[in-house]
PDB file of N, CA and C in Angstrom:
ATOM      1  N   MET A   1      86.934  28.276  72.137  1.00  0.00           N
ATOM      2  CA  MET A   1      87.430  29.340  71.286  1.00  0.00           C
ATOM      3  C   MET A   1      86.301  29.945  70.447  1.00  0.00           C
ATOM      4  N   LEU A   2      85.438  29.084  69.943  1.00  0.00           N
ATOM      5  CA  LEU A   2      84.323  29.558  69.129  1.00  0.00           C
ATOM      6  C   LEU A   2      83.405  30.461  69.959  1.00  0.00           C
ATOM      7  N   GLU A   3      83.197  30.103  71.209  1.00  0.00           N
ATOM      8  CA  GLU A   3      82.363  30.916  72.098  1.00  0.00           C
ATOM      9  C   GLU A   3      82.964  32.311  72.277  1.00  0.00           C
ATOM     10  N   LEU A   4      84.268  32.392  72.410  1.00  0.00           N
ATOM     11  CA  LEU A   4      84.965  33.667  72.563  1.00  0.00           C
ATOM     12  C   LEU A   4      84.769  34.545  71.323  1.00  0.00           C
ATOM     13  N   VAL A   5      84.873  33.951  70.161  1.00  0.00           N
ATOM     14  CA  VAL A   5      84.691  34.693  68.907  1.00  0.00           C
ATOM     15  C   VAL A   5      83.254  35.212  68.809  1.00  0.00           C
ATOM     16  N   LYS A   6      82.279  34.391  69.208  1.00  0.00           N
ATOM     17  CA  LYS A   6      80.882  34.821  69.179  1.00  0.00           C
ATOM     18  C   LYS A   6      80.661  36.016  70.102  1.00  0.00           C
ATOM     19  N   HIS A   7      81.230  35.973  71.300  1.00  0.00           N
ATOM     20  CA  HIS A   7      81.099  37.091  72.240  1.00  0.00           C
ATOM     21  C   HIS A   7      81.770  38.361  71.703  1.00  0.00           C
ATOM     22  N   PHE A   8      82.930  38.183  71.099  1.00  0.00           N
ATOM     23  CA  PHE A   8      83.640  39.324  70.525  1.00  0.00           C
ATOM     24  C   PHE A   8      82.815  39.982  69.417  1.00  0.00           C
ATOM     25  N   LEU A   9      82.275  39.168  68.524  1.00  0.00           N
ATOM     26  CA  LEU A   9      81.480  39.712  67.414  1.00  0.00           C
ATOM     27  C   LEU A   9      80.204  40.386  67.921  1.00  0.00           C
ATOM     28  N   ALA A  10      79.579  39.807  68.947  1.00  0.00           N
ATOM     29  CA  ALA A  10      78.376  40.430  69.519  1.00  0.00           C
ATOM     30  C   ALA A  10      78.726  41.770  70.155  1.00  0.00           C
ATOM     31  N   ALA A  11      79.834  41.842  70.868  1.00  0.00           N
ATOM     32  CA  ALA A  11      80.263  43.095  71.493  1.00  0.00           C
ATOM     33  C   ALA A  11      80.602  44.140  70.427  1.00  0.00           C
ATOM     34  N   LYS A  12      81.249  43.716  69.387  1.00  0.00           N
ATOM     35  CA  LYS A  12      81.599  44.638  68.302  1.00  0.00           C
ATOM     36  C   LYS A  12      80.337  45.193  67.643  1.00  0.00           C
ATOM     37  N   ARG A  13      79.344  44.341  67.432  1.00  0.00           N
ATOM     38  CA  ARG A  13      78.080  44.771  66.827  1.00  0.00           C
ATOM     39  C   ARG A  13      77.362  45.761  67.754  1.00  0.00           C
ATOM     40  N   ARG A  14      77.343  45.464  69.073  1.00  0.00           N
ATOM     41  CA  ARG A  14      76.724  46.390  70.028  1.00  0.00           C
ATOM     42  C   ARG A  14      77.437  47.725  70.027  1.00  0.00           C
ATOM     43  N   TRP A  15      78.750  47.703  69.965  1.00  0.00           N
ATOM     44  CA  TRP A  15      79.523  48.950  69.947  1.00  0.00           C
ATOM     45  C   TRP A  15      79.150  49.790  68.729  1.00  0.00           C
ATOM     46  N   GLN A  16      79.005  49.159  67.580  1.00  0.00           N
ATOM     47  CA  GLN A  16      78.647  49.891  66.373  1.00  0.00           C
ATOM     48  C   GLN A  16      77.243  50.485  66.477  1.00  0.00           C
ATOM     49  N   ILE A  17      76.329  49.751  67.104  1.00  0.00           N
ATOM     50  CA  ILE A  17      74.952  50.222  67.248  1.00  0.00           C
ATOM     51  C   ILE A  17      74.857  51.337  68.288  1.00  0.00           C
ATOM     52  N   LEU A  18      75.616  51.219  69.387  1.00  0.00           N
ATOM     53  CA  LEU A  18      75.486  52.131  70.520  1.00  0.00           C
ATOM     54  C   LEU A  18      76.511  53.265  70.513  1.00  0.00           C
ATOM     55  N   ARG A  19      76.998  53.638  69.377  1.00  0.00           N
ATOM     56  CA  ARG A  19      78.054  54.657  69.302  1.00  0.00           C
ATOM     57  C   ARG A  19      77.573  56.056  69.643  1.00  0.00           C
ATOM     58  N   SER A  20      76.347  56.394  69.324  1.00  0.00           N
ATOM     59  CA  SER A  20      75.884  57.748  69.612  1.00  0.00           C
ATOM     60  C   SER A  20      75.403  57.825  71.064  1.00  0.00           C
ATOM     61  N   ALA A  21      75.529  58.980  71.648  1.00  0.00           N
ATOM     62  CA  ALA A  21      75.121  59.180  73.038  1.00  0.00           C
ATOM     63  C   ALA A  21      73.625  58.914  73.206  1.00  0.00           C
ATOM     64  N   GLU A  22      72.828  59.362  72.256  1.00  0.00           N
ATOM     65  CA  GLU A  22      71.376  59.175  72.350  1.00  0.00           C
ATOM     66  C   GLU A  22      71.004  57.692  72.308  1.00  0.00           C
ATOM     67  N   THR A  23      71.607  56.947  71.414  1.00  0.00           N
ATOM     68  CA  THR A  23      71.325  55.521  71.300  1.00  0.00           C
ATOM     69  C   THR A  23      71.753  54.797  72.564  1.00  0.00           C
ATOM     70  N   LEU A  24      72.917  55.134  73.093  1.00  0.00           N
ATOM     71  CA  LEU A  24      73.401  54.514  74.314  1.00  0.00           C
ATOM     72  C   LEU A  24      72.478  54.833  75.485  1.00  0.00           C
ATOM     73  N   GLU A  25      72.058  56.087  75.610  1.00  0.00           N
ATOM     74  CA  GLU A  25      71.148  56.470  76.695  1.00  0.00           C
ATOM     75  C   GLU A  25      69.813  55.745  76.588  1.00  0.00           C
ATOM     76  N   ASN A  26      69.296  55.594  75.396  1.00  0.00           N
ATOM     77  CA  ASN A  26      68.038  54.862  75.201  1.00  0.00           C
ATOM     78  C   ASN A  26      68.199  53.391  75.579  1.00  0.00           C
ATOM     79  N   PHE A  27      69.313  52.796  75.207  1.00  0.00           N
ATOM     80  CA  PHE A  27      69.604  51.407  75.552  1.00  0.00           C
ATOM     81  C   PHE A  27      69.697  51.243  77.066  1.00  0.00           C
ATOM     82  N   GLN A  28      70.440  52.126  77.730  1.00  0.00           N
ATOM     83  CA  GLN A  28      70.602  52.059  79.181  1.00  0.00           C
ATOM     84  C   GLN A  28      69.264  52.263  79.887  1.00  0.00           C
ATOM     85  N   SER A  29      68.469  53.181  79.405  1.00  0.00           N
ATOM     86  CA  SER A  29      67.170  53.449  80.009  1.00  0.00           C
ATOM     87  C   SER A  29      66.255  52.229  79.896  1.00  0.00           C
ATOM     88  N   ALA A  30      66.246  51.601  78.745  1.00  0.00           N
ATOM     89  CA  ALA A  30      65.417  50.406  78.552  1.00  0.00           C
ATOM     90  C   ALA A  30      65.854  49.292  79.493  1.00  0.00           C
ATOM     91  N   LYS A  31      67.169  49.090  79.623  1.00  0.00           N
ATOM     92  CA  LYS A  31      67.692  48.053  80.521  1.00  0.00           C
ATOM     93  C   LYS A  31      67.373  48.387  81.976  1.00  0.00           C
ATOM     94  N   ALA A  32      67.485  49.655  82.361  1.00  0.00           N
ATOM     95  CA  ALA A  32      67.187  50.073  83.736  1.00  0.00           C
ATOM     96  C   ALA A  32      65.716  49.816  84.056  1.00  0.00           C
ATOM     97  N   LYS A  33      64.822  50.105  83.125  1.00  0.00           N
ATOM     98  CA  LYS A  33      63.395  49.892  83.356  1.00  0.00           C
ATOM     99  C   LYS A  33      63.068  48.416  83.535  1.00  0.00           C
ATOM    100  N   VAL A  34      63.710  47.549  82.776  1.00  0.00           N
ATOM    101  CA  VAL A  34      63.505  46.104  82.923  1.00  0.00           C
ATOM    102  C   VAL A  34      63.985  45.659  84.303  1.00  0.00           C
ATOM    103  N   LEU A  35      65.143  46.125  84.710  1.00  0.00           N
ATOM    104  CA  LEU A  35      65.701  45.766  86.012  1.00  0.00           C
ATOM    105  C   LEU A  35      64.805  46.264  87.146  1.00  0.00           C
ATOM    106  N   ILE A  36      64.361  47.502  87.064  1.00  0.00           N
ATOM    107  CA  ILE A  36      63.517  48.089  88.106  1.00  0.00           C
ATOM    108  C   ILE A  36      62.187  47.348  88.204  1.00  0.00           C
ATOM    109  N   ASP A  37      61.619  46.994  87.080  1.00  0.00           N
ATOM    110  CA  ASP A  37      60.372  46.230  87.083  1.00  0.00           C
ATOM    111  C   ASP A  37      60.566  44.896  87.794  1.00  0.00           C
ATOM    112  N   TYR A  38      61.642  44.210  87.480  1.00  0.00           N
ATOM    113  CA  TYR A  38      61.923  42.909  88.114  1.00  0.00           C
ATOM    114  C   TYR A  38      62.113  43.065  89.622  1.00  0.00           C
ATOM    115  N   VAL A  39      62.944  44.015  90.013  1.00  0.00           N
ATOM    116  CA  VAL A  39      63.254  44.202  91.431  1.00  0.00           C
ATOM    117  C   VAL A  39      62.003  44.629  92.209  1.00  0.00           C
ATOM    118  N   ALA A  40      61.200  45.488  91.622  1.00  0.00           N
ATOM    119  CA  ALA A  40      59.984  45.950  92.297  1.00  0.00           C
ATOM    120  C   ALA A  40      59.005  44.796  92.533  1.00  0.00           C
ATOM    121  N   ARG A  41      59.008  43.824  91.639  1.00  0.00           N
ATOM    122  CA  ARG A  41      58.120  42.665  91.798  1.00  0.00           C
ATOM    123  C   ARG A  41      58.685  41.619  92.743  1.00  0.00           C
ATOM    124  N   HIS A  42      60.021  41.491  92.831  1.00  0.00           N
ATOM    125  CA  HIS A  42      60.618  40.388  93.568  1.00  0.00           C
ATOM    126  C   HIS A  42      61.300  40.759  94.881  1.00  0.00           C
ATOM    127  N   SER A  43      61.462  42.016  95.174  1.00  0.00           N
ATOM    128  CA  SER A  43      62.147  42.444  96.401  1.00  0.00           C
ATOM    129  C   SER A  43      61.210  43.308  97.239  1.00  0.00           C
ATOM    130  N   SER A  44      60.807  42.780  98.406  1.00  0.00           N
ATOM    131  CA  SER A  44      59.912  43.566  99.260  1.00  0.00           C
ATOM    132  C   SER A  44      60.609  44.826  99.768  1.00  0.00           C
ATOM    133  N   PHE A  45      61.933  44.781  99.913  1.00  0.00           N
ATOM    134  CA  PHE A  45      62.667  45.983 100.332  1.00  0.00           C
ATOM    135  C   PHE A  45      62.446  47.111  99.325  1.00  0.00           C
ATOM    136  N   TYR A  46      62.666  46.831  98.053  1.00  0.00           N
ATOM    137  CA  TYR A  46      62.516  47.876  97.038  1.00  0.00           C
ATOM    138  C   TYR A  46      61.064  48.309  96.864  1.00  0.00           C
ATOM    139  N   ARG A  47      60.122  47.374  96.996  1.00  0.00           N
ATOM    140  CA  ARG A  47      58.714  47.776  96.925  1.00  0.00           C
ATOM    141  C   ARG A  47      58.423  48.836  97.984  1.00  0.00           C
ATOM    142  N   ASN A  48      58.908  48.625  99.197  1.00  0.00           N
ATOM    143  CA  ASN A  48      58.698  49.593 100.278  1.00  0.00           C
ATOM    144  C   ASN A  48      59.539  50.842 100.085  1.00  0.00           C
ATOM    145  N   HIS A  49      60.790  50.679  99.687  1.00  0.00           N
ATOM    146  CA  HIS A  49      61.729  51.799  99.545  1.00  0.00           C
ATOM    147  C   HIS A  49      61.280  52.772  98.451  1.00  0.00           C
ATOM    148  N   TRP A  50      60.677  52.236  97.407  1.00  0.00           N
ATOM    149  CA  TRP A  50      60.249  53.067  96.279  1.00  0.00           C
ATOM    150  C   TRP A  50      58.769  53.428  96.325  1.00  0.00           C
ATOM    151  N   GLN A  51      58.079  53.036  97.391  1.00  0.00           N
ATOM    152  CA  GLN A  51      56.643  53.317  97.488  1.00  0.00           C
ATOM    153  C   GLN A  51      56.373  54.817  97.357  1.00  0.00           C
ATOM    154  N   GLY A  52      55.414  55.153  96.515  1.00  0.00           N
ATOM    155  CA  GLY A  52      55.062  56.544  96.292  1.00  0.00           C
ATOM    156  C   GLY A  52      55.897  57.238  95.235  1.00  0.00           C
ATOM    157  N   HIS A  53      56.866  56.527  94.668  1.00  0.00           N
ATOM    158  CA  HIS A  53      57.716  57.096  93.613  1.00  0.00           C
ATOM    159  C   HIS A  53      57.303  56.532  92.253  1.00  0.00           C
ATOM    160  N   ASP A  54      57.505  57.310  91.225  1.00  0.00           N
ATOM    161  CA  ASP A  54      57.219  56.885  89.861  1.00  0.00           C
ATOM    162  C   ASP A  54      58.367  56.010  89.367  1.00  0.00           C
ATOM    163  N   LEU A  55      58.099  54.723  89.194  1.00  0.00           N
ATOM    164  CA  LEU A  55      59.154  53.792  88.766  1.00  0.00           C
ATOM    165  C   LEU A  55      59.618  54.065  87.338  1.00  0.00           C
ATOM    166  N   ASN A  56      58.811  54.756  86.548  1.00  0.00           N
ATOM    167  CA  ASN A  56      59.233  55.112  85.188  1.00  0.00           C
ATOM    168  C   ASN A  56      60.251  56.244  85.187  1.00  0.00           C
ATOM    169  N   ASN A  57      60.299  56.990  86.260  1.00  0.00           N
ATOM    170  CA  ASN A  57      61.277  58.073  86.402  1.00  0.00           C
ATOM    171  C   ASN A  57      62.460  57.531  87.217  1.00  0.00           C
ATOM    172  N   TRP A  58      63.105  56.510  86.686  1.00  0.00           N
ATOM    173  CA  TRP A  58      64.095  55.746  87.450  1.00  0.00           C
ATOM    174  C   TRP A  58      65.314  56.564  87.863  1.00  0.00           C
ATOM    175  N   GLN A  59      65.613  57.627  87.147  1.00  0.00           N
ATOM    176  CA  GLN A  59      66.779  58.447  87.498  1.00  0.00           C
ATOM    177  C   GLN A  59      66.596  59.154  88.843  1.00  0.00           C
ATOM    178  N   HIS A  60      65.345  59.286  89.309  1.00  0.00           N
ATOM    179  CA  HIS A  60      65.066  60.011  90.549  1.00  0.00           C
ATOM    180  C   HIS A  60      64.593  59.113  91.686  1.00  0.00           C
ATOM    181  N   LEU A  61      64.721  57.801  91.526  1.00  0.00           N
ATOM    182  CA  LEU A  61      64.354  56.897  92.616  1.00  0.00           C
ATOM    183  C   LEU A  61      65.366  57.025  93.757  1.00  0.00           C
ATOM    184  N   PRO A  62      64.924  56.821  95.002  1.00  0.00           N
ATOM    185  CA  PRO A  62      65.865  56.878  96.119  1.00  0.00           C
ATOM    186  C   PRO A  62      66.940  55.796  95.970  1.00  0.00           C
ATOM    187  N   THR A  63      68.155  56.154  96.294  1.00  0.00           N
ATOM    188  CA  THR A  63      69.268  55.219  96.173  1.00  0.00           C
ATOM    189  C   THR A  63      69.448  54.428  97.464  1.00  0.00           C
ATOM    190  N   VAL A  64      70.349  53.458  97.418  1.00  0.00           N
ATOM    191  CA  VAL A  64      70.636  52.588  98.553  1.00  0.00           C
ATOM    192  C   VAL A  64      72.136  52.547  98.743  1.00  0.00           C
ATOM    193  N   ASN A  65      72.585  52.674  99.984  1.00  0.00           N
ATOM    194  CA  ASN A  65      74.010  52.495 100.260  1.00  0.00           C
ATOM    195  C   ASN A  65      74.229  51.121 100.894  1.00  0.00           C
ATOM    196  N   LYS A  66      75.457  50.760 101.116  1.00  0.00           N
ATOM    197  CA  LYS A  66      75.780  49.416 101.598  1.00  0.00           C
ATOM    198  C   LYS A  66      75.201  49.152 102.981  1.00  0.00           C
ATOM    199  N   SER A  67      75.273  50.128 103.866  1.00  0.00           N
ATOM    200  CA  SER A  67      74.765  49.881 105.222  1.00  0.00           C
ATOM    201  C   SER A  67      73.252  49.648 105.204  1.00  0.00           C
ATOM    202  N   LEU A  68      72.509  50.400 104.403  1.00  0.00           N
ATOM    203  CA  LEU A  68      71.070  50.186 104.286  1.00  0.00           C
ATOM    204  C   LEU A  68      70.781  48.819 103.674  1.00  0.00           C
ATOM    205  N   MET A  69      71.555  48.443 102.674  1.00  0.00           N
ATOM    206  CA  MET A  69      71.382  47.131 102.060  1.00  0.00           C
ATOM    207  C   MET A  69      71.617  46.028 103.078  1.00  0.00           C
ATOM    208  N   MET A  70      72.697  46.114 103.841  1.00  0.00           N
ATOM    209  CA  MET A  70      73.024  45.062 104.806  1.00  0.00           C
ATOM    210  C   MET A  70      72.002  45.000 105.945  1.00  0.00           C
ATOM    211  N   GLU A  71      71.481  46.131 106.372  1.00  0.00           N
ATOM    212  CA  GLU A  71      70.457  46.159 107.417  1.00  0.00           C
ATOM    213  C   GLU A  71      69.177  45.459 106.974  1.00  0.00           C
ATOM    214  N   ASN A  72      68.924  45.451 105.684  1.00  0.00           N
ATOM    215  CA  ASN A  72      67.679  44.901 105.136  1.00  0.00           C
ATOM    216  C   ASN A  72      67.920  43.739 104.191  1.00  0.00           C
ATOM    217  N   PHE A  73      69.021  43.032 104.361  1.00  0.00           N
ATOM    218  CA  PHE A  73      69.440  42.042 103.376  1.00  0.00           C
ATOM    219  C   PHE A  73      68.388  40.969 103.124  1.00  0.00           C
ATOM    220  N   ASP A  74      67.713  40.503 104.169  1.00  0.00           N
ATOM    221  CA  ASP A  74      66.718  39.442 103.993  1.00  0.00           C
ATOM    222  C   ASP A  74      65.600  39.842 103.039  1.00  0.00           C
ATOM    223  N   THR A  75      65.211  41.108 103.059  1.00  0.00           N
ATOM    224  CA  THR A  75      64.138  41.560 102.173  1.00  0.00           C
ATOM    225  C   THR A  75      64.681  42.224 100.911  1.00  0.00           C
ATOM    226  N   PHE A  76      65.972  42.510 100.894  1.00  0.00           N
ATOM    227  CA  PHE A  76      66.629  43.169  99.760  1.00  0.00           C
ATOM    228  C   PHE A  76      66.810  42.204  98.591  1.00  0.00           C
ATOM    229  N   ASN A  77      67.334  41.019  98.894  1.00  0.00           N
ATOM    230  CA  ASN A  77      67.666  40.079  97.821  1.00  0.00           C
ATOM    231  C   ASN A  77      66.417  39.402  97.288  1.00  0.00           C
ATOM    232  N   THR A  78      66.516  38.871  96.094  1.00  0.00           N
ATOM    233  CA  THR A  78      65.350  38.293  95.403  1.00  0.00           C
ATOM    234  C   THR A  78      65.370  36.769  95.368  1.00  0.00           C
ATOM    235  N   VAL A  79      66.328  36.144  96.067  1.00  0.00           N
ATOM    236  CA  VAL A  79      66.432  34.682  96.024  1.00  0.00           C
ATOM    237  C   VAL A  79      66.406  34.060  97.418  1.00  0.00           C
ATOM    238  N   SER A  80      65.864  34.781  98.376  1.00  0.00           N
ATOM    239  CA  SER A  80      65.649  34.285  99.747  1.00  0.00           C
ATOM    240  C   SER A  80      66.926  33.868 100.466  1.00  0.00           C
ATOM    241  N   ILE A  81      68.009  34.577 100.230  1.00  0.00           N
ATOM    242  CA  ILE A  81      69.253  34.320 100.956  1.00  0.00           C
ATOM    243  C   ILE A  81      69.155  35.055 102.296  1.00  0.00           C
ATOM    244  N   LYS A  82      69.501  34.350 103.359  1.00  0.00           N
ATOM    245  CA  LYS A  82      69.472  34.952 104.707  1.00  0.00           C
ATOM    246  C   LYS A  82      70.845  35.435 105.087  1.00  0.00           C
TER     247      LYS A  82
END
């Protein structure tokens, strides 16, 4: 129960901080950049797929659909699942 209350209070605090569109966009952009950095380092699929693109301009990176992901699953995932 205590864990639930902690999560609720953290979510409430985030909601208060991220209420403006600009603040929310900045938060999302920062999180996207962290994710892209991780994936670019750990997934050979994404390293190749994004080659020649500016990773800082994450809104314009080429996207992936399910069929492309499944065709390249061995190199797509970051934990060596076959």
